[in-house]
Amino acid sequence: MLASAARFLLLLFLLLLPTTPGQAGYSEAEVKAAFLVNFGRFVEWPAAAAPLARQELRIGIMGNNPFGPALGPLASQTVAGVPVRFARISTLKEAARCHILYLSPSLGPKVRRILRGLEGRPVLTVSDKKGFLEEGGAIELMTIEQHIRFAINLEECGQHGMKVSSRLLELARYVIMPKEEQK
């Protein structure tokens, strides 16, 4: 319980950091990379696909890697008792083995095809591509007033068998609810 509260406070702290390089000592890439890891702490995957079942939390980066050396210090982290592993992803088959998949805006129109190829698979898709949620992505990162924020498409998460913690939903800029809950 205490560890969960500490992780929540860390995520809240990340939300408050300015993303202007040099301020608060963290770059935009470092803040976004930390978000990727922290999302893994607040999402529950189906049992067979859970990080514990696979003995790692696999975070894939597809397209241009905007994180660079910011991933290094995070590679020693653990989530749910298993190590975090980062991987460069180039195929849909590799993407399907990830828990979290960052899709670079450099992928352009390919993003929609990749998301369709992952339908029904428990992969938490994340991007800072504008309009990502409307294309079928799960979490969209955005910069608002020099702070990194995020929005969640809960409908997509549910369709992929993932449950998002209410604590993470509270921090989201906005949430797209499942259609049956919108009525």
Protein backbone atom coordinates (compact mmCIF):
# COMPACT_ATOMS: atom_id res chain seq x y z
CA MET A 1 0.00 0.00 0.00
CA LEU A 2 2.80 2.41 0.92
CA ALA A 3 4.73 1.57 -2.26
CA SER A 4 1.61 2.22 -4.33
CA ALA A 5 1.20 5.64 -2.72
CA ALA A 6 4.86 6.45 -3.40
CA ARG A 7 4.49 5.51 -7.07
CA PHE A 8 1.37 7.65 -7.34
CA LEU A 9 3.21 10.60 -5.84
CA LEU A 10 6.10 10.06 -8.29
CA LEU A 11 3.68 10.14 -11.21
CA LEU A 12 2.02 13.25 -9.80
CA PHE A 13 5.47 14.85 -9.43
CA LEU A 14 6.23 14.08 -13.07
CA LEU A 15 3.03 15.85 -14.07
CA LEU A 16 4.17 19.00 -12.31
CA LEU A 17 7.65 19.13 -13.87
CA PRO A 18 8.16 21.79 -16.52
CA THR A 19 9.41 20.33 -19.77
CA THR A 20 11.53 23.26 -20.85
CA PRO A 21 15.04 21.80 -21.15
CA GLY A 22 17.19 22.68 -18.19
CA GLN A 23 14.33 23.52 -15.84
CA ALA A 24 14.04 21.21 -12.83
CA GLY A 25 16.98 19.23 -14.24
CA TYR A 26 14.84 16.94 -16.44
CA SER A 27 14.54 16.97 -20.21
CA GLU A 28 11.28 16.36 -22.03
CA ALA A 29 12.65 12.97 -23.14
CA GLU A 30 13.42 11.98 -19.52
CA VAL A 31 9.95 12.95 -18.33
CA LYS A 32 8.22 11.08 -21.17
CA ALA A 33 10.41 8.00 -20.65
CA ALA A 34 9.56 7.99 -16.94
CA PHE A 35 5.87 8.18 -17.85
CA LEU A 36 6.23 5.02 -19.95
CA VAL A 37 7.59 3.09 -16.99
CA ASN A 38 5.06 4.56 -14.56
CA PHE A 39 2.13 3.68 -16.82
CA GLY A 40 3.20 0.08 -16.27
CA ARG A 41 2.60 0.52 -12.53
CA PHE A 42 -1.02 1.59 -13.00
CA VAL A 43 -2.26 -0.82 -15.68
CA GLU A 44 -3.36 -4.39 -15.15
CA TRP A 45 -2.93 -6.85 -18.04
CA PRO A 46 -4.77 -10.15 -18.48
CA ALA A 47 -3.08 -12.86 -16.38
CA ALA A 48 -1.39 -14.68 -19.28
CA ALA A 49 0.09 -11.43 -20.63
CA ALA A 50 0.92 -9.80 -17.30
CA PRO A 51 4.50 -8.71 -16.64
CA LEU A 52 4.82 -11.31 -13.86
CA ALA A 53 3.80 -14.11 -16.24
CA ARG A 54 6.37 -12.94 -18.80
CA GLN A 55 9.02 -12.13 -16.17
CA GLU A 56 9.53 -8.60 -17.55
CA LEU A 57 7.72 -5.39 -18.38
CA ARG A 58 8.57 -5.01 -22.05
CA ILE A 59 8.41 -1.45 -23.40
CA GLY A 60 8.84 -1.16 -27.15
CA ILE A 61 9.84 1.90 -29.13
CA MET A 62 8.65 1.91 -32.74
CA GLY A 63 9.77 4.59 -35.20
CA ASN A 64 12.24 7.33 -34.29
CA ASN A 65 13.47 7.02 -30.71
CA PRO A 66 13.05 10.43 -29.03
CA PHE A 67 14.29 9.15 -25.67
CA GLY A 68 17.94 8.41 -26.40
CA PRO A 69 20.02 8.10 -23.22
CA ALA A 70 16.96 8.90 -21.05
CA LEU A 71 16.07 5.18 -21.14
CA GLY A 72 19.36 4.06 -19.58
CA PRO A 73 18.64 4.88 -15.92
CA LEU A 74 15.11 3.48 -16.22
CA ALA A 75 16.34 0.08 -17.43
CA SER A 76 17.31 -0.77 -13.84
CA GLN A 77 13.74 -0.22 -12.59
CA THR A 78 11.32 -2.97 -11.64
CA VAL A 79 7.54 -2.96 -11.99
CA ALA A 80 5.36 -5.53 -10.25
CA GLY A 81 8.54 -7.30 -9.14
CA VAL A 82 9.94 -7.79 -12.64
CA PRO A 83 12.61 -5.86 -14.56
CA VAL A 84 11.78 -3.20 -17.13
CA ARG A 85 13.14 -4.01 -20.59
CA PHE A 86 13.27 -1.54 -23.47
CA ALA A 87 13.37 -2.79 -27.05
CA ARG A 88 13.53 -1.22 -30.50
CA ILE A 89 10.58 -2.61 -32.42
CA SER A 90 10.34 -2.84 -36.20
CA THR A 91 7.62 -5.43 -36.88
CA LEU A 92 4.04 -5.98 -35.83
CA LYS A 93 5.00 -9.42 -34.48
CA GLU A 94 7.56 -7.82 -32.14
CA ALA A 95 5.05 -5.11 -31.17
CA ALA A 96 2.50 -7.74 -30.11
CA ARG A 97 4.97 -9.06 -27.50
CA CYS A 98 5.22 -5.69 -25.74
CA HIS A 99 3.29 -4.58 -22.69
CA ILE A 100 3.71 -0.93 -23.61
CA LEU A 101 4.43 0.26 -27.14
CA TYR A 102 5.51 3.81 -27.87
CA LEU A 103 4.62 4.77 -31.45
CA SER A 104 6.67 7.69 -32.71
CA PRO A 105 4.91 10.43 -34.68
CA SER A 106 7.60 9.74 -37.33
CA LEU A 107 5.56 6.67 -38.32
CA GLY A 108 2.94 9.00 -39.80
CA PRO A 109 0.02 7.19 -41.46
CA LYS A 110 1.50 3.78 -40.54
CA VAL A 111 0.27 4.34 -36.96
CA ARG A 112 -3.32 3.57 -37.88
CA ARG A 113 -2.31 0.31 -39.61
CA ILE A 114 -0.16 -0.72 -36.61
CA LEU A 115 -3.02 -0.05 -34.20
CA ARG A 116 -5.38 -2.15 -36.35
CA GLY A 117 -2.80 -4.95 -36.36
CA LEU A 118 -2.72 -4.92 -32.55
CA GLU A 119 -6.52 -5.05 -32.11
CA GLY A 120 -7.50 -7.46 -29.37
CA ARG A 121 -3.93 -7.78 -28.07
CA PRO A 122 -3.07 -6.54 -24.56
CA VAL A 123 -0.60 -3.86 -25.67
CA LEU A 124 -0.83 -0.41 -24.09
CA THR A 125 -0.11 1.92 -26.99
CA VAL A 126 1.36 5.35 -26.23
CA SER A 127 2.29 8.24 -28.50
CA ASP A 128 2.70 11.98 -28.55
CA LYS A 129 1.20 12.08 -32.05
CA LYS A 130 -1.65 14.59 -32.12
CA GLY A 131 -5.00 12.81 -32.51
CA PHE A 132 -3.57 9.44 -31.41
CA LEU A 133 -6.59 8.53 -29.26
CA GLU A 134 -8.98 9.17 -32.12
CA GLU A 135 -6.93 6.78 -34.27
CA GLY A 136 -7.41 4.03 -31.68
CA GLY A 137 -4.42 4.56 -29.38
CA ALA A 138 -4.61 4.05 -25.61
CA ILE A 139 -2.59 6.97 -24.16
CA GLU A 140 -1.67 10.24 -25.83
CA LEU A 141 1.13 12.34 -24.38
CA MET A 142 0.82 16.09 -24.89
CA THR A 143 2.63 19.24 -23.86
CA ILE A 144 0.39 21.85 -22.26
CA GLU A 145 1.89 25.03 -20.81
CA GLN A 146 5.35 23.43 -20.78
CA HIS A 147 4.17 20.37 -18.84
CA ILE A 148 3.74 16.82 -20.10
CA ARG A 149 0.14 15.68 -19.72
CA PHE A 150 -1.68 12.64 -20.99
CA ALA A 151 -5.14 11.53 -22.03
CA ILE A 152 -6.48 7.98 -21.90
CA ASN A 153 -8.80 6.11 -24.23
CA LEU A 154 -10.37 3.77 -21.67
CA GLU A 155 -12.52 2.22 -24.40
CA GLU A 156 -9.39 1.00 -26.21
CA CYS A 157 -7.75 -0.26 -23.02
CA GLY A 158 -10.84 -2.31 -22.16
CA GLN A 159 -11.11 -3.76 -25.66
CA HIS A 160 -7.53 -4.99 -25.29
CA GLY A 161 -8.23 -6.62 -21.91
CA MET A 162 -6.38 -4.06 -19.79
CA LYS A 163 -7.66 -2.34 -16.67
CA VAL A 164 -6.43 1.14 -15.81
CA SER A 165 -6.13 2.19 -12.17
CA SER A 166 -8.52 4.90 -11.03
CA ARG A 167 -5.47 6.71 -9.65
CA LEU A 168 -4.04 7.06 -13.15
CA LEU A 169 -7.42 8.13 -14.53
CA GLU A 170 -7.55 10.91 -11.93
CA LEU A 171 -4.30 12.36 -13.29
CA ALA A 172 -5.34 12.21 -16.95
CA ARG A 173 -6.10 15.46 -18.74
CA TYR A 174 -9.19 13.73 -20.09
CA VAL A 175 -10.52 10.20 -20.50
CA ILE A 176 -12.50 8.71 -23.39
CA MET A 177 -14.98 6.42 -21.65
CA PRO A 178 -16.33 3.14 -23.04
CA LYS A 179 -19.44 3.70 -25.18
CA GLU A 180 -21.73 1.79 -22.79
CA GLU A 181 -20.70 4.14 -19.94
CA GLN A 182 -21.30 7.25 -22.05
CA LYS A 183 -25.07 6.62 -22.20
